[in-house]
């Protein structure tokens, strides 16, 4: 998938654990884990907004586009 979730990088920069973020954002640790691993098809803007507020970052700090030319995707 060309969209890569870099949430782990931001958590490390903020020296925060996933459990702390899940509690602060109001989502389950399981849902946060799925997001961190990139196994979700989408994320609500309201959830993304809360994550960015807690981590004091921009959405672009959490998501990265990487074209996968090997599979013919642009």
N, C-alpha and C. Protein backbone atom coordinates (compact mmCIF):
# COMPACT_ATOMS: atom_id res chain seq x y z
N UNK A 1 0.85 -1.17 0.00
CA UNK A 1 0.00 0.00 0.00
C UNK A 1 0.90 1.24 0.00
N UNK A 2 0.59 2.20 -0.83
CA UNK A 2 1.47 3.38 -0.93
C UNK A 2 1.40 4.34 0.25
N UNK A 3 0.39 4.26 1.09
CA UNK A 3 0.33 5.12 2.27
C UNK A 3 0.90 4.34 3.45
N UNK A 4 1.94 4.90 4.07
CA UNK A 4 2.61 4.25 5.19
C UNK A 4 2.33 5.05 6.46
N UNK A 5 1.93 4.37 7.51
CA UNK A 5 1.66 5.02 8.80
C UNK A 5 2.97 5.08 9.59
N UNK A 6 3.38 6.29 9.95
CA UNK A 6 4.63 6.50 10.70
C UNK A 6 4.35 6.95 12.13
N UNK A 7 3.26 6.49 12.67
CA UNK A 7 2.87 6.85 14.03
C UNK A 7 3.90 6.41 15.06
N UNK A 8 4.52 5.26 14.86
CA UNK A 8 5.54 4.78 15.80
C UNK A 8 6.71 5.76 15.92
N UNK A 9 7.08 6.37 14.81
CA UNK A 9 8.18 7.34 14.82
C UNK A 9 7.82 8.52 15.71
N UNK A 10 6.59 9.03 15.55
CA UNK A 10 6.16 10.19 16.35
C UNK A 10 6.02 9.82 17.82
N UNK A 11 5.54 8.62 18.10
CA UNK A 11 5.46 8.18 19.50
C UNK A 11 6.85 8.13 20.13
N UNK A 12 7.83 7.64 19.38
CA UNK A 12 9.20 7.58 19.90
C UNK A 12 9.75 8.98 20.13
N UNK A 13 9.47 9.89 19.20
CA UNK A 13 9.95 11.27 19.36
C UNK A 13 9.35 11.94 20.59
N UNK A 14 8.10 11.61 20.87
CA UNK A 14 7.41 12.22 22.01
C UNK A 14 7.61 11.41 23.29
N UNK A 15 8.36 10.31 23.18
CA UNK A 15 8.60 9.42 24.32
C UNK A 15 7.29 9.02 25.00
N UNK A 16 6.35 8.57 24.16
CA UNK A 16 5.03 8.19 24.64
C UNK A 16 4.75 6.75 24.22
N UNK A 17 4.07 6.04 25.07
CA UNK A 17 3.69 4.67 24.77
C UNK A 17 2.32 4.66 24.09
N UNK A 18 2.08 3.60 23.34
CA UNK A 18 0.81 3.47 22.64
C UNK A 18 -0.37 3.47 23.59
N UNK A 19 -0.19 2.85 24.75
CA UNK A 19 -1.27 2.79 25.74
C UNK A 19 -1.65 4.19 26.21
N UNK A 20 -0.65 5.04 26.44
CA UNK A 20 -0.91 6.42 26.86
C UNK A 20 -1.67 7.18 25.78
N UNK A 21 -1.24 7.01 24.52
CA UNK A 21 -1.90 7.71 23.42
C UNK A 21 -3.34 7.24 23.26
N UNK A 22 -3.56 5.93 23.32
CA UNK A 22 -4.91 5.38 23.18
C UNK A 22 -5.83 5.96 24.24
N UNK A 23 -5.35 6.03 25.47
CA UNK A 23 -6.16 6.59 26.56
C UNK A 23 -6.45 8.06 26.33
N UNK A 24 -5.43 8.83 25.95
CA UNK A 24 -5.59 10.27 25.73
C UNK A 24 -6.52 10.57 24.56
N UNK A 25 -6.48 9.73 23.53
CA UNK A 25 -7.28 9.96 22.33
C UNK A 25 -8.70 9.41 22.50
N UNK A 26 -8.83 8.38 23.33
CA UNK A 26 -10.15 7.79 23.56
C UNK A 26 -10.47 6.66 22.59
N UNK A 27 -9.45 5.92 22.19
CA UNK A 27 -9.66 4.74 21.35
C UNK A 27 -9.04 3.53 22.05
N UNK A 28 -9.43 2.36 21.60
CA UNK A 28 -8.89 1.15 22.25
C UNK A 28 -7.44 0.93 21.82
N UNK A 29 -6.71 0.25 22.67
CA UNK A 29 -5.32 -0.09 22.34
C UNK A 29 -5.28 -0.97 21.10
N UNK A 30 -6.27 -1.83 20.94
CA UNK A 30 -6.33 -2.71 19.77
C UNK A 30 -6.49 -1.90 18.49
N UNK A 31 -7.39 -0.91 18.50
CA UNK A 31 -7.57 -0.08 17.31
C UNK A 31 -6.32 0.75 17.02
N UNK A 32 -5.66 1.23 18.05
CA UNK A 32 -4.43 1.99 17.85
C UNK A 32 -3.35 1.07 17.27
N UNK A 33 -3.29 -0.16 17.75
CA UNK A 33 -2.32 -1.12 17.24
C UNK A 33 -2.55 -1.40 15.76
N UNK A 34 -3.80 -1.54 15.37
CA UNK A 34 -4.12 -1.76 13.95
C UNK A 34 -3.70 -0.55 13.12
N UNK A 35 -3.92 0.64 13.63
CA UNK A 35 -3.51 1.85 12.93
C UNK A 35 -1.99 1.91 12.80
N UNK A 36 -1.30 1.63 13.90
CA UNK A 36 0.17 1.67 13.91
C UNK A 36 0.77 0.70 12.90
N UNK A 37 0.14 -0.45 12.73
CA UNK A 37 0.66 -1.47 11.82
C UNK A 37 0.23 -1.23 10.37
N UNK A 38 -0.65 -0.26 10.15
CA UNK A 38 -1.10 0.04 8.79
C UNK A 38 -2.15 -0.93 8.28
N UNK A 39 -2.79 -1.68 9.20
CA UNK A 39 -3.77 -2.69 8.80
C UNK A 39 -5.19 -2.14 8.76
N UNK A 40 -5.35 -0.84 8.69
CA UNK A 40 -6.67 -0.24 8.59
C UNK A 40 -6.87 0.30 7.18
N UNK A 41 -8.10 0.35 6.76
CA UNK A 41 -8.41 0.89 5.43
C UNK A 41 -8.64 2.40 5.47
N UNK A 42 -8.90 2.93 6.66
CA UNK A 42 -9.15 4.36 6.79
C UNK A 42 -9.11 4.78 8.24
N UNK A 43 -9.08 6.08 8.43
CA UNK A 43 -9.09 6.64 9.78
C UNK A 43 -9.99 7.88 9.74
N UNK A 44 -10.81 8.03 10.75
CA UNK A 44 -11.69 9.20 10.82
C UNK A 44 -10.86 10.45 11.06
N UNK A 45 -11.28 11.53 10.43
CA UNK A 45 -10.58 12.80 10.63
C UNK A 45 -10.62 13.22 12.09
N UNK A 46 -11.71 12.92 12.78
CA UNK A 46 -11.81 13.30 14.19
C UNK A 46 -10.77 12.55 15.03
N UNK A 47 -10.51 11.29 14.70
CA UNK A 47 -9.49 10.52 15.40
C UNK A 47 -8.11 11.06 15.07
N UNK A 48 -7.87 11.33 13.80
CA UNK A 48 -6.59 11.90 13.37
C UNK A 48 -6.35 13.25 14.04
N UNK A 49 -7.40 14.05 14.16
CA UNK A 49 -7.30 15.35 14.82
C UNK A 49 -6.90 15.19 16.28
N UNK A 50 -7.51 14.24 16.98
CA UNK A 50 -7.18 14.03 18.39
C UNK A 50 -5.76 13.52 18.56
N UNK A 51 -5.33 12.61 17.67
CA UNK A 51 -3.95 12.11 17.73
C UNK A 51 -2.97 13.25 17.53
N UNK A 52 -3.23 14.09 16.53
CA UNK A 52 -2.34 15.22 16.26
C UNK A 52 -2.31 16.20 17.43
N UNK A 53 -3.45 16.42 18.07
CA UNK A 53 -3.50 17.33 19.22
C UNK A 53 -2.66 16.79 20.38
N UNK A 54 -2.80 15.50 20.67
CA UNK A 54 -2.06 14.90 21.78
C UNK A 54 -0.56 14.87 21.49
N UNK A 55 -0.19 14.54 20.25
CA UNK A 55 1.23 14.43 19.89
C UNK A 55 1.83 15.75 19.43
N UNK A 56 1.00 16.79 19.33
CA UNK A 56 1.44 18.12 18.88
C UNK A 56 2.18 17.99 17.55
N UNK A 57 1.45 17.46 16.56
CA UNK A 57 2.05 17.25 15.24
C UNK A 57 1.02 17.52 14.16
N UNK A 58 1.44 17.37 12.92
CA UNK A 58 0.58 17.53 11.76
C UNK A 58 0.25 16.15 11.19
N UNK A 59 -0.87 16.01 10.45
CA UNK A 59 -1.20 14.71 9.86
C UNK A 59 -0.07 14.17 8.98
N UNK A 60 0.65 15.04 8.30
CA UNK A 60 1.76 14.61 7.46
C UNK A 60 2.91 14.02 8.24
N UNK A 61 2.94 14.27 9.56
CA UNK A 61 3.97 13.66 10.40
C UNK A 61 3.64 12.20 10.71
N UNK A 62 2.39 11.80 10.45
CA UNK A 62 1.92 10.46 10.79
C UNK A 62 1.72 9.57 9.58
N UNK A 63 1.61 10.18 8.41
CA UNK A 63 1.33 9.44 7.18
C UNK A 63 2.35 9.82 6.12
N UNK A 64 2.75 8.83 5.33
CA UNK A 64 3.76 9.06 4.29
C UNK A 64 3.31 8.33 3.03
N UNK A 65 3.49 8.96 1.87
CA UNK A 65 3.16 8.33 0.59
C UNK A 65 4.42 7.76 -0.03
N UNK A 66 4.38 6.47 -0.34
CA UNK A 66 5.49 5.80 -1.01
C UNK A 66 4.94 5.04 -2.21
N UNK A 67 5.24 5.53 -3.39
CA UNK A 67 4.76 4.88 -4.61
C UNK A 67 5.36 3.49 -4.72
N UNK A 68 4.54 2.53 -5.07
CA UNK A 68 4.97 1.15 -5.24
C UNK A 68 4.96 0.82 -6.73
N UNK A 69 6.05 1.11 -7.40
CA UNK A 69 6.11 0.92 -8.84
C UNK A 69 6.28 -0.55 -9.22
N UNK A 70 6.71 -1.40 -8.28
CA UNK A 70 6.91 -2.82 -8.56
C UNK A 70 5.58 -3.50 -8.89
N UNK A 71 4.50 -3.05 -8.23
CA UNK A 71 3.19 -3.68 -8.44
C UNK A 71 2.36 -2.94 -9.46
N UNK A 72 2.95 -1.97 -10.16
CA UNK A 72 2.23 -1.24 -11.17
C UNK A 72 1.32 -0.17 -10.63
N UNK A 73 1.44 0.14 -9.33
CA UNK A 73 0.62 1.19 -8.74
C UNK A 73 1.34 2.52 -8.85
N UNK A 74 0.60 3.58 -9.14
CA UNK A 74 1.20 4.93 -9.14
C UNK A 74 0.54 5.76 -8.08
